[in-house]
C-alpha atoms as a PDB file:
ATOM      1  CA  UNK A   1       0.000   0.000   0.000  1.00  0.00           C
ATOM      2  CA  UNK A   2       2.820   2.419   0.832  1.00  0.00           C
ATOM      3  CA  UNK A   3       4.434   1.801  -2.567  1.00  0.00           C
ATOM      4  CA  UNK A   4       1.136   2.482  -4.299  1.00  0.00           C
ATOM      5  CA  UNK A   5       0.649   5.664  -2.330  1.00  0.00           C
ATOM      6  CA  UNK A   6       4.182   6.793  -3.151  1.00  0.00           C
ATOM      7  CA  UNK A   7       3.419   6.234  -6.818  1.00  0.00           C
ATOM      8  CA  UNK A   8       0.070   7.990  -6.809  1.00  0.00           C
ATOM      9  CA  UNK A   9       0.419  10.791  -4.269  1.00  0.00           C
ATOM     10  CA  UNK A  10       1.794  13.295  -6.723  1.00  0.00           C
ATOM     11  CA  UNK A  11       1.818  16.956  -5.821  1.00  0.00           C
ATOM     12  CA  UNK A  12      -1.717  18.269  -5.759  1.00  0.00           C
ATOM     13  CA  UNK A  13      -2.045  21.945  -4.914  1.00  0.00           C
ATOM     14  CA  UNK A  14      -5.306  23.176  -3.442  1.00  0.00           C
ATOM     15  CA  UNK A  15      -3.993  26.737  -3.873  1.00  0.00           C
ATOM     16  CA  UNK A  16      -4.256  26.688  -7.642  1.00  0.00           C
ATOM     17  CA  UNK A  17      -6.089  29.770  -8.879  1.00  0.00           C
ATOM     18  CA  UNK A  18      -9.730  29.037  -9.653  1.00  0.00           C
ATOM     19  CA  UNK A  19      -9.564  30.658 -13.123  1.00  0.00           C
ATOM     20  CA  UNK A  20      -6.676  28.335 -13.993  1.00  0.00           C
ATOM     21  CA  UNK A  21      -8.589  25.305 -12.733  1.00  0.00           C
ATOM     22  CA  UNK A  22     -11.682  26.207 -14.735  1.00  0.00           C
ATOM     23  CA  UNK A  23      -9.645  26.917 -17.860  1.00  0.00           C
ATOM     24  CA  UNK A  24      -7.838  23.598 -17.432  1.00  0.00           C
ATOM     25  CA  UNK A  25     -11.141  21.768 -17.126  1.00  0.00           C
ATOM     26  CA  UNK A  26     -12.432  23.493 -20.259  1.00  0.00           C
ATOM     27  CA  UNK A  27      -9.316  22.592 -22.256  1.00  0.00           C
ATOM     28  CA  UNK A  28      -9.335  19.016 -20.997  1.00  0.00           C
ATOM     29  CA  UNK A  29     -13.005  18.638 -21.904  1.00  0.00           C
ATOM     30  CA  UNK A  30     -12.122  19.429 -25.510  1.00  0.00           C
ATOM     31  CA  UNK A  31      -8.921  17.400 -25.579  1.00  0.00           C
ATOM     32  CA  UNK A  32     -10.533  14.233 -24.226  1.00  0.00           C
ATOM     33  CA  UNK A  33     -13.447  14.539 -26.635  1.00  0.00           C
ATOM     34  CA  UNK A  34     -13.646  12.740 -29.950  1.00  0.00           C
ATOM     35  CA  UNK A  35     -11.146  14.325 -32.395  1.00  0.00           C
ATOM     36  CA  UNK A  36     -13.649  15.712 -34.862  1.00  0.00           C
ATOM     37  CA  UNK A  37     -13.025  18.644 -37.161  1.00  0.00           C
ATOM     38  CA  UNK A  38     -13.969  21.217 -34.508  1.00  0.00           C
ATOM     39  CA  UNK A  39     -11.360  19.904 -32.080  1.00  0.00           C
ATOM     40  CA  UNK A  40      -8.636  19.666 -34.720  1.00  0.00           C
ATOM     41  CA  UNK A  41      -9.245  23.292 -35.688  1.00  0.00           C
ATOM     42  CA  UNK A  42      -9.151  24.411 -32.051  1.00  0.00           C
ATOM     43  CA  UNK A  43      -5.898  22.669 -31.094  1.00  0.00           C
ATOM     44  CA  UNK A  44      -3.707  25.764 -31.674  1.00  0.00           C
ATOM     45  CA  UNK A  45      -6.059  27.843 -29.514  1.00  0.00           C
ATOM     46  CA  UNK A  46      -6.100  25.199 -26.793  1.00  0.00           C
ATOM     47  CA  UNK A  47      -2.314  25.127 -26.835  1.00  0.00           C
ATOM     48  CA  UNK A  48      -2.202  28.905 -26.410  1.00  0.00           C
ATOM     49  CA  UNK A  49      -4.606  28.771 -23.475  1.00  0.00           C
ATOM     50  CA  UNK A  50      -2.585  25.995 -21.855  1.00  0.00           C
ATOM     51  CA  UNK A  51       0.611  28.040 -22.190  1.00  0.00           C
ATOM     52  CA  UNK A  52      -0.912  30.761 -20.018  1.00  0.00           C
ATOM     53  CA  UNK A  53      -1.897  28.458 -17.147  1.00  0.00           C
ATOM     54  CA  UNK A  54      -0.036  27.351 -14.052  1.00  0.00           C
ATOM     55  CA  UNK A  55       2.659  24.985 -15.402  1.00  0.00           C
ATOM     56  CA  UNK A  56       1.292  22.085 -13.362  1.00  0.00           C
ATOM     57  CA  UNK A  57      -1.864  22.326 -15.451  1.00  0.00           C
ATOM     58  CA  UNK A  58      -0.700  23.961 -18.650  1.00  0.00           C
ATOM     59  CA  UNK A  59       2.316  21.807 -19.450  1.00  0.00           C
ATOM     60  CA  UNK A  60       0.491  18.457 -19.576  1.00  0.00           C
ATOM     61  CA  UNK A  61      -2.433  20.012 -21.458  1.00  0.00           C
ATOM     62  CA  UNK A  62      -0.065  21.526 -24.021  1.00  0.00           C
ATOM     63  CA  UNK A  63       1.661  18.157 -24.362  1.00  0.00           C
ATOM     64  CA  UNK A  64      -1.619  16.493 -25.293  1.00  0.00           C
ATOM     65  CA  UNK A  65      -2.526  19.321 -27.678  1.00  0.00           C
ATOM     66  CA  UNK A  66       0.832  18.963 -29.448  1.00  0.00           C
ATOM     67  CA  UNK A  67       0.509  15.194 -29.658  1.00  0.00           C
ATOM     68  CA  UNK A  68      -2.956  15.415 -31.181  1.00  0.00           C
ATOM     69  CA  UNK A  69      -1.928  18.154 -33.611  1.00  0.00           C
ATOM     70  CA  UNK A  70       1.023  16.118 -34.872  1.00  0.00           C
ATOM     71  CA  UNK A  71      -1.050  12.984 -35.508  1.00  0.00           C
ATOM     72  CA  UNK A  72      -2.714  11.867 -38.704  1.00  0.00           C
ATOM     73  CA  UNK A  73      -6.395  12.689 -38.239  1.00  0.00           C
ATOM     74  CA  UNK A  74      -7.796   9.362 -39.421  1.00  0.00           C
ATOM     75  CA  UNK A  75      -5.287   7.399 -37.370  1.00  0.00           C
ATOM     76  CA  UNK A  76      -6.047   9.601 -34.368  1.00  0.00           C
ATOM     77  CA  UNK A  77      -9.776   8.911 -34.620  1.00  0.00           C
ATOM     78  CA  UNK A  78      -9.155   5.188 -34.868  1.00  0.00           C
ATOM     79  CA  UNK A  79      -6.825   5.369 -31.867  1.00  0.00           C
ATOM     80  CA  UNK A  80      -9.439   7.296 -29.886  1.00  0.00           C
ATOM     81  CA  UNK A  81     -12.033   4.579 -30.425  1.00  0.00           C
ATOM     82  CA  UNK A  82      -9.510   1.874 -29.558  1.00  0.00           C
ATOM     83  CA  UNK A  83      -8.390   3.715 -26.425  1.00  0.00           C
ATOM     84  CA  UNK A  84     -11.686   4.821 -24.937  1.00  0.00           C
ATOM     85  CA  UNK A  85     -14.467   2.770 -26.508  1.00  0.00           C
ATOM     86  CA  UNK A  86     -13.107  -0.775 -26.702  1.00  0.00           C
ATOM     87  CA  UNK A  87     -11.174  -1.072 -23.438  1.00  0.00           C
ATOM     88  CA  UNK A  88     -12.701  -1.074 -19.986  1.00  0.00           C
ATOM     89  CA  UNK A  89      -9.566   0.482 -18.532  1.00  0.00           C
ATOM     90  CA  UNK A  90     -10.092   3.417 -20.878  1.00  0.00           C
ATOM     91  CA  UNK A  91     -13.703   4.042 -19.912  1.00  0.00           C
ATOM     92  CA  UNK A  92     -14.718   7.715 -19.872  1.00  0.00           C
ATOM     93  CA  UNK A  93     -17.965   7.071 -17.966  1.00  0.00           C
ATOM     94  CA  UNK A  94     -16.924   7.850 -14.403  1.00  0.00           C
ATOM     95  CA  UNK A  95     -19.561   5.978 -12.419  1.00  0.00           C
ATOM     96  CA  UNK A  96     -18.604   2.721 -14.118  1.00  0.00           C
ATOM     97  CA  UNK A  97     -15.409   2.562 -12.065  1.00  0.00           C
ATOM     98  CA  UNK A  98     -17.064   3.178  -8.717  1.00  0.00           C
ATOM     99  CA  UNK A  99     -20.288   1.244  -9.288  1.00  0.00           C
ATOM    100  CA  UNK A 100     -19.732  -1.169 -12.154  1.00  0.00           C
ATOM    101  CA  UNK A 101     -22.891  -2.494 -13.767  1.00  0.00           C
ATOM    102  CA  UNK A 102     -25.080  -2.415 -10.676  1.00  0.00           C
ATOM    103  CA  UNK A 103     -28.269  -0.745  -9.496  1.00  0.00           C
ATOM    104  CA  UNK A 104     -26.083   1.729  -7.609  1.00  0.00           C
ATOM    105  CA  UNK A 105     -24.734   3.044 -10.883  1.00  0.00           C
ATOM    106  CA  UNK A 106     -28.213   3.874 -12.098  1.00  0.00           C
ATOM    107  CA  UNK A 107     -28.833   5.992  -9.022  1.00  0.00           C
ATOM    108  CA  UNK A 108     -25.403   7.624  -9.324  1.00  0.00           C
ATOM    109  CA  UNK A 109     -26.282   8.651 -12.878  1.00  0.00           C
ATOM    110  CA  UNK A 110     -29.585  10.102 -11.705  1.00  0.00           C
ATOM    111  CA  UNK A 111     -27.822  12.163  -9.022  1.00  0.00           C
ATOM    112  CA  UNK A 112     -25.391  13.628 -11.545  1.00  0.00           C
ATOM    113  CA  UNK A 113     -28.175  14.442 -13.982  1.00  0.00           C
ATOM    114  CA  UNK A 114     -30.139  16.119 -11.196  1.00  0.00           C
ATOM    115  CA  UNK A 115     -27.058  18.187 -10.335  1.00  0.00           C
ATOM    116  CA  UNK A 116     -27.013  19.480 -13.901  1.00  0.00           C
ATOM    117  CA  UNK A 117     -30.742  20.187 -13.821  1.00  0.00           C
ATOM    118  CA  UNK A 118     -30.426  22.246 -10.662  1.00  0.00           C
ATOM    119  CA  UNK A 119     -27.973  24.411 -12.598  1.00  0.00           C
ATOM    120  CA  UNK A 120     -30.544  24.825 -15.374  1.00  0.00           C
ATOM    121  CA  UNK A 121     -28.894  22.347 -17.736  1.00  0.00           C
ATOM    122  CA  UNK A 122     -30.476  19.551 -19.708  1.00  0.00           C
ATOM    123  CA  UNK A 123     -28.316  16.600 -20.743  1.00  0.00           C
ATOM    124  CA  UNK A 124     -29.015  15.501 -24.332  1.00  0.00           C
ATOM    125  CA  UNK A 125     -30.996  12.291 -24.504  1.00  0.00           C
ATOM    126  CA  UNK A 126     -28.154  10.526 -26.285  1.00  0.00           C
ATOM    127  CA  UNK A 127     -25.656  11.331 -23.524  1.00  0.00           C
ATOM    128  CA  UNK A 128     -24.908   9.695 -20.202  1.00  0.00           C
ATOM    129  CA  UNK A 129     -24.304  12.431 -17.613  1.00  0.00           C
ATOM    130  CA  UNK A 130     -21.157  10.880 -16.145  1.00  0.00           C
ATOM    131  CA  UNK A 131     -19.086  11.137 -19.338  1.00  0.00           C
ATOM    132  CA  UNK A 132     -15.838  12.847 -18.368  1.00  0.00           C
ATOM    133  CA  UNK A 133     -16.169  15.536 -21.027  1.00  0.00           C
ATOM    134  CA  UNK A 134     -19.587  16.576 -19.695  1.00  0.00           C
ATOM    135  CA  UNK A 135     -18.409  16.677 -16.078  1.00  0.00           C
ATOM    136  CA  UNK A 136     -15.426  18.823 -17.043  1.00  0.00           C
ATOM    137  CA  UNK A 137     -17.570  21.160 -19.108  1.00  0.00           C
ATOM    138  CA  UNK A 138     -19.992  21.535 -16.205  1.00  0.00           C
ATOM    139  CA  UNK A 139     -17.120  22.358 -13.839  1.00  0.00           C
ATOM    140  CA  UNK A 140     -15.567  24.814 -16.281  1.00  0.00           C
ATOM    141  CA  UNK A 141     -18.627  26.709 -17.412  1.00  0.00           C
ATOM    142  CA  UNK A 142     -21.286  26.401 -14.745  1.00  0.00           C
ATOM    143  CA  UNK A 143     -20.479  25.155 -11.253  1.00  0.00           C
ATOM    144  CA  UNK A 144     -16.815  24.718 -10.373  1.00  0.00           C
ATOM    145  CA  UNK A 145     -17.546  23.299  -6.921  1.00  0.00           C
ATOM    146  CA  UNK A 146     -20.308  21.002  -8.158  1.00  0.00           C
ATOM    147  CA  UNK A 147     -18.163  19.693 -10.983  1.00  0.00           C
ATOM    148  CA  UNK A 148     -15.210  19.132  -8.678  1.00  0.00           C
ATOM    149  CA  UNK A 149     -17.483  17.211  -6.313  1.00  0.00           C
ATOM    150  CA  UNK A 150     -18.433  14.814  -9.109  1.00  0.00           C
ATOM    151  CA  UNK A 151     -14.763  14.371 -10.007  1.00  0.00           C
ATOM    152  CA  UNK A 152     -13.641  13.740  -6.435  1.00  0.00           C
ATOM    153  CA  UNK A 153     -16.506  11.342  -5.774  1.00  0.00           C
ATOM    154  CA  UNK A 154     -15.180   9.320  -8.702  1.00  0.00           C
ATOM    155  CA  UNK A 155     -11.505   9.962  -7.945  1.00  0.00           C
ATOM    156  CA  UNK A 156     -10.258   6.345  -7.977  1.00  0.00           C
ATOM    157  CA  UNK A 157     -11.557   5.825 -11.503  1.00  0.00           C
ATOM    158  CA  UNK A 158     -10.102   9.097 -12.784  1.00  0.00           C
ATOM    159  CA  UNK A 159      -6.699   8.261 -11.316  1.00  0.00           C
ATOM    160  CA  UNK A 160      -6.743   4.725 -12.696  1.00  0.00           C
ATOM    161  CA  UNK A 161      -7.627   6.099 -16.119  1.00  0.00           C
ATOM    162  CA  UNK A 162      -4.654   8.458 -15.858  1.00  0.00           C
ATOM    163  CA  UNK A 163      -2.353   5.584 -14.900  1.00  0.00           C
ATOM    164  CA  UNK A 164      -3.652   3.434 -17.749  1.00  0.00           C
ATOM    165  CA  UNK A 165      -3.078   6.172 -20.317  1.00  0.00           C
ATOM    166  CA  UNK A 166       0.420   6.711 -18.969  1.00  0.00           C
ATOM    167  CA  UNK A 167       1.161   2.984 -19.167  1.00  0.00           C
ATOM    168  CA  UNK A 168       0.195   2.800 -22.845  1.00  0.00           C
ATOM    169  CA  UNK A 169       1.958   6.089 -23.698  1.00  0.00           C
ATOM    170  CA  UNK A 170      -1.332   7.574 -24.836  1.00  0.00           C
ATOM    171  CA  UNK A 171      -1.370  11.083 -26.304  1.00  0.00           C
ATOM    172  CA  UNK A 172      -4.319  11.786 -23.983  1.00  0.00           C
ATOM    173  CA  UNK A 173      -2.321  11.112 -20.827  1.00  0.00           C
ATOM    174  CA  UNK A 174      -1.394  14.776 -20.405  1.00  0.00           C
ATOM    175  CA  UNK A 175      -5.042  15.817 -20.263  1.00  0.00           C
ATOM    176  CA  UNK A 176      -5.736  13.316 -17.476  1.00  0.00           C
ATOM    177  CA  UNK A 177      -2.592  14.402 -15.666  1.00  0.00           C
ATOM    178  CA  UNK A 178      -3.866  17.972 -15.667  1.00  0.00           C
ATOM    179  CA  UNK A 179      -7.332  16.927 -14.492  1.00  0.00           C
ATOM    180  CA  UNK A 180      -5.858  15.016 -11.564  1.00  0.00           C
ATOM    181  CA  UNK A 181      -3.595  17.953 -10.728  1.00  0.00           C
ATOM    182  CA  UNK A 182      -6.662  20.145 -10.173  1.00  0.00           C
ATOM    183  CA  UNK A 183      -7.919  17.883  -7.390  1.00  0.00           C
ATOM    184  CA  UNK A 184      -6.959  17.858  -3.699  1.00  0.00           C
ATOM    185  CA  UNK A 185      -4.253  15.483  -2.415  1.00  0.00           C
ATOM    186  CA  UNK A 186      -5.130  11.811  -2.468  1.00  0.00           C
ATOM    187  CA  UNK A 187      -6.305  10.507   0.902  1.00  0.00           C
ATOM    188  CA  UNK A 188      -5.852   7.071   2.428  1.00  0.00           C
ATOM    189  CA  UNK A 189      -9.418   6.102   1.496  1.00  0.00           C
ATOM    190  CA  UNK A 190      -8.752   7.056  -2.125  1.00  0.00           C
ATOM    191  CA  UNK A 191      -5.618   4.914  -2.156  1.00  0.00           C
ATOM    192  CA  UNK A 192      -7.435   1.934  -0.668  1.00  0.00           C
ATOM    193  CA  UNK A 193     -10.294   2.223  -3.149  1.00  0.00           C
ATOM    194  CA  UNK A 194      -7.866   2.484  -6.037  1.00  0.00           C
ATOM    195  CA  UNK A 195      -5.958  -0.584  -4.912  1.00  0.00           C
ATOM    196  CA  UNK A 196      -9.168  -2.587  -4.593  1.00  0.00           C
ATOM    197  CA  UNK A 197     -10.478  -1.371  -7.932  1.00  0.00           C
ATOM    198  CA  UNK A 198      -7.186  -2.150  -9.654  1.00  0.00           C
ATOM    199  CA  UNK A 199      -7.178  -5.642  -8.175  1.00  0.00           C
ATOM    200  CA  UNK A 200     -10.843  -6.621  -8.542  1.00  0.00           C
ATOM    201  CA  UNK A 201     -12.246  -4.363 -11.254  1.00  0.00           C
ATOM    202  CA  UNK A 202     -15.738  -2.807 -11.177  1.00  0.00           C
ATOM    203  CA  UNK A 203     -18.648  -4.801  -9.807  1.00  0.00           C
ATOM    204  CA  UNK A 204     -21.127  -6.541 -12.069  1.00  0.00           C
ATOM    205  CA  UNK A 205     -24.779  -7.460 -11.729  1.00  0.00           C
ATOM    206  CA  UNK A 206     -27.207  -9.067 -14.105  1.00  0.00           C
ATOM    207  CA  UNK A 207     -29.582  -6.131 -13.653  1.00  0.00           C
ATOM    208  CA  UNK A 208     -27.350  -3.686 -15.509  1.00  0.00           C
ATOM    209  CA  UNK A 209     -28.905  -0.208 -15.653  1.00  0.00           C
ATOM    210  CA  UNK A 210     -32.554  -1.236 -15.620  1.00  0.00           C
ATOM    211  CA  UNK A 211     -33.240   1.152 -12.773  1.00  0.00           C
ATOM    212  CA  UNK A 212     -31.865   4.131 -14.662  1.00  0.00           C
ATOM    213  CA  UNK A 213     -34.655   4.590 -17.168  1.00  0.00           C
ATOM    214  CA  UNK A 214     -37.350   4.904 -14.514  1.00  0.00           C
ATOM    215  CA  UNK A 215     -35.574   7.664 -12.647  1.00  0.00           C
ATOM    216  CA  UNK A 216     -33.485   9.495 -15.203  1.00  0.00           C
ATOM    217  CA  UNK A 217     -35.993  11.812 -16.829  1.00  0.00           C
ATOM    218  CA  UNK A 218     -36.577   9.633 -19.890  1.00  0.00           C
ATOM    219  CA  UNK A 219     -32.995   9.188 -21.024  1.00  0.00           C
ATOM    220  CA  UNK A 220     -32.972   7.933 -24.601  1.00  0.00           C
ATOM    221  CA  UNK A 221     -32.330   4.142 -24.598  1.00  0.00           C
ATOM    222  CA  UNK A 222     -29.678   4.434 -27.322  1.00  0.00           C
ATOM    223  CA  UNK A 223     -27.386   6.227 -24.903  1.00  0.00           C
ATOM    224  CA  UNK A 224     -27.341   3.475 -22.309  1.00  0.00           C
ATOM    225  CA  UNK A 225     -24.267   1.298 -22.055  1.00  0.00           C
ATOM    226  CA  UNK A 226     -24.594  -2.383 -22.834  1.00  0.00           C
ATOM    227  CA  UNK A 227     -24.091  -5.184 -20.293  1.00  0.00           C
ATOM    228  CA  UNK A 228     -20.513  -4.189 -19.538  1.00  0.00           C
ATOM    229  CA  UNK A 229     -21.069  -0.440 -19.494  1.00  0.00           C
ATOM    230  CA  UNK A 230     -17.633   0.133 -20.995  1.00  0.00           C
ATOM    231  CA  UNK A 231     -15.292  -1.675 -23.290  1.00  0.00           C
ATOM    232  CA  UNK A 232     -17.905  -3.111 -25.644  1.00  0.00           C
ATOM    233  CA  UNK A 233     -18.623  -0.038 -27.721  1.00  0.00           C
ATOM    234  CA  UNK A 234     -17.976  -1.680 -31.048  1.00  0.00           C
ATOM    235  CA  UNK A 235     -20.628  -4.292 -30.320  1.00  0.00           C
ATOM    236  CA  UNK A 236     -23.431  -1.794 -29.772  1.00  0.00           C
ATOM    237  CA  UNK A 237     -25.471  -0.009 -32.447  1.00  0.00           C
ATOM    238  CA  UNK A 238     -24.456   3.619 -32.665  1.00  0.00           C
ATOM    239  CA  UNK A 239     -21.311   3.093 -30.609  1.00  0.00           C
ATOM    240  CA  UNK A 240     -18.816   2.482 -33.403  1.00  0.00           C
ATOM    241  CA  UNK A 241     -16.307   4.929 -34.893  1.00  0.00           C
ATOM    242  CA  UNK A 242     -19.082   6.867 -36.630  1.00  0.00           C
ATOM    243  CA  UNK A 243     -21.058   7.567 -33.467  1.00  0.00           C
ATOM    244  CA  UNK A 244     -18.788   7.584 -30.450  1.00  0.00           C
ATOM    245  CA  UNK A 245     -20.446   7.781 -27.012  1.00  0.00           C
ATOM    246  CA  UNK A 246     -20.469  11.414 -26.061  1.00  0.00           C
ATOM    247  CA  UNK A 247     -20.461  12.460 -29.709  1.00  0.00           C
ATOM    248  CA  UNK A 248     -23.683  11.056 -31.092  1.00  0.00           C
ATOM    249  CA  UNK A 249     -26.462  12.999 -32.751  1.00  0.00           C
ATOM    250  CA  UNK A 250     -29.000  14.602 -30.451  1.00  0.00           C
ATOM    251  CA  UNK A 251     -31.939  15.197 -32.746  1.00  0.00           C
ATOM    252  CA  UNK A 252     -35.445  14.886 -31.367  1.00  0.00           C
ATOM    253  CA  UNK A 253     -34.773  15.744 -27.733  1.00  0.00           C
ATOM    254  CA  UNK A 254     -36.934  18.185 -25.847  1.00  0.00           C
ATOM    255  CA  UNK A 255     -35.381  20.781 -23.587  1.00  0.00           C
ATOM    256  CA  UNK A 256     -37.762  21.763 -20.756  1.00  0.00           C
ATOM    257  CA  UNK A 257     -38.720  25.414 -20.535  1.00  0.00           C
ATOM    258  CA  UNK A 258     -36.133  27.379 -18.606  1.00  0.00           C
ATOM    259  CA  UNK A 259     -33.386  24.853 -19.296  1.00  0.00           C
ATOM    260  CA  UNK A 260     -30.301  25.465 -21.400  1.00  0.00           C
ATOM    261  CA  UNK A 261     -29.148  22.732 -23.692  1.00  0.00           C
ATOM    262  CA  UNK A 262     -26.056  20.861 -22.560  1.00  0.00           C
ATOM    263  CA  UNK A 263     -23.223  20.421 -23.450  1.00  0.00           C
ATOM    264  CA  UNK A 264     -22.155  23.978 -24.102  1.00  0.00           C
ATOM    265  CA  UNK A 265     -20.167  23.225 -27.238  1.00  0.00           C
ATOM    266  CA  UNK A 266     -21.396  21.315 -30.299  1.00  0.00           C
ATOM    267  CA  UNK A 267     -18.108  19.546 -31.044  1.00  0.00           C
ATOM    268  CA  UNK A 268     -19.156  16.169 -29.724  1.00  0.00           C
ATOM    269  CA  UNK A 269     -22.317  16.122 -31.831  1.00  0.00           C
ATOM    270  CA  UNK A 270     -20.604  17.270 -35.015  1.00  0.00           C
ATOM    271  CA  UNK A 271     -17.159  15.707 -34.872  1.00  0.00           C
ATOM    272  CA  UNK A 272     -18.289  12.107 -35.175  1.00  0.00           C
ATOM    273  CA  UNK A 273     -19.845  12.677 -38.558  1.00  0.00           C
ATOM    274  CA  UNK A 274     -16.461  13.258 -40.158  1.00  0.00           C
END
């Protein structure tokens, strides 16, 4: 346990300036999204923003921006799908790590969606609310404390994702490094949960997410994960390279009066069509 803690307890600074944290979350939300045309065009701008941030946040973000910019676009898109949509260790749906495919996950998803609704935001019907890009965008543009709470509640999964991306020398590792650097120091409970999760993996139940539909404000069925929740994207309709989770079309949804459509940026609904 002490060796694991020594490995994971990197310097986390709670004195980072809030504007830097929010800007880092905004940049990371773009960088971890599907590399559609909008993202590719914005990479120079994201690199410029990263250069103006605290080095603990800006340097890893800039590293990811450079890596993406120097990659062949088609190869990058294929790598994205392979990294995040076909491997459970690369799952971008945060509650999967902490709850697996259990009834608890359904309720965790409902709580996150309700958090967005209290801020006047409506999650598109084709999105799951725990996708990392949505959580980061919420923290950056709406409720920094609320977004950070979602991240810290799912800290073990975020850290394990960072470690996995580092282990495979992923170009997206820098973005996860920056995200983790925005959070408070790891505690003993975090370390224990990470060790258990790394050893045993997420829990599974035959019930899957059946309880989610009844309590999640009519989430569109096409957005629900399959039996595994993560790592089986290529086996599910609409979850292949043409329609990556978090990037799919959102036609036909109804936004309640007084709500603003979410996410803020259209990149994830446009990029996958390329």
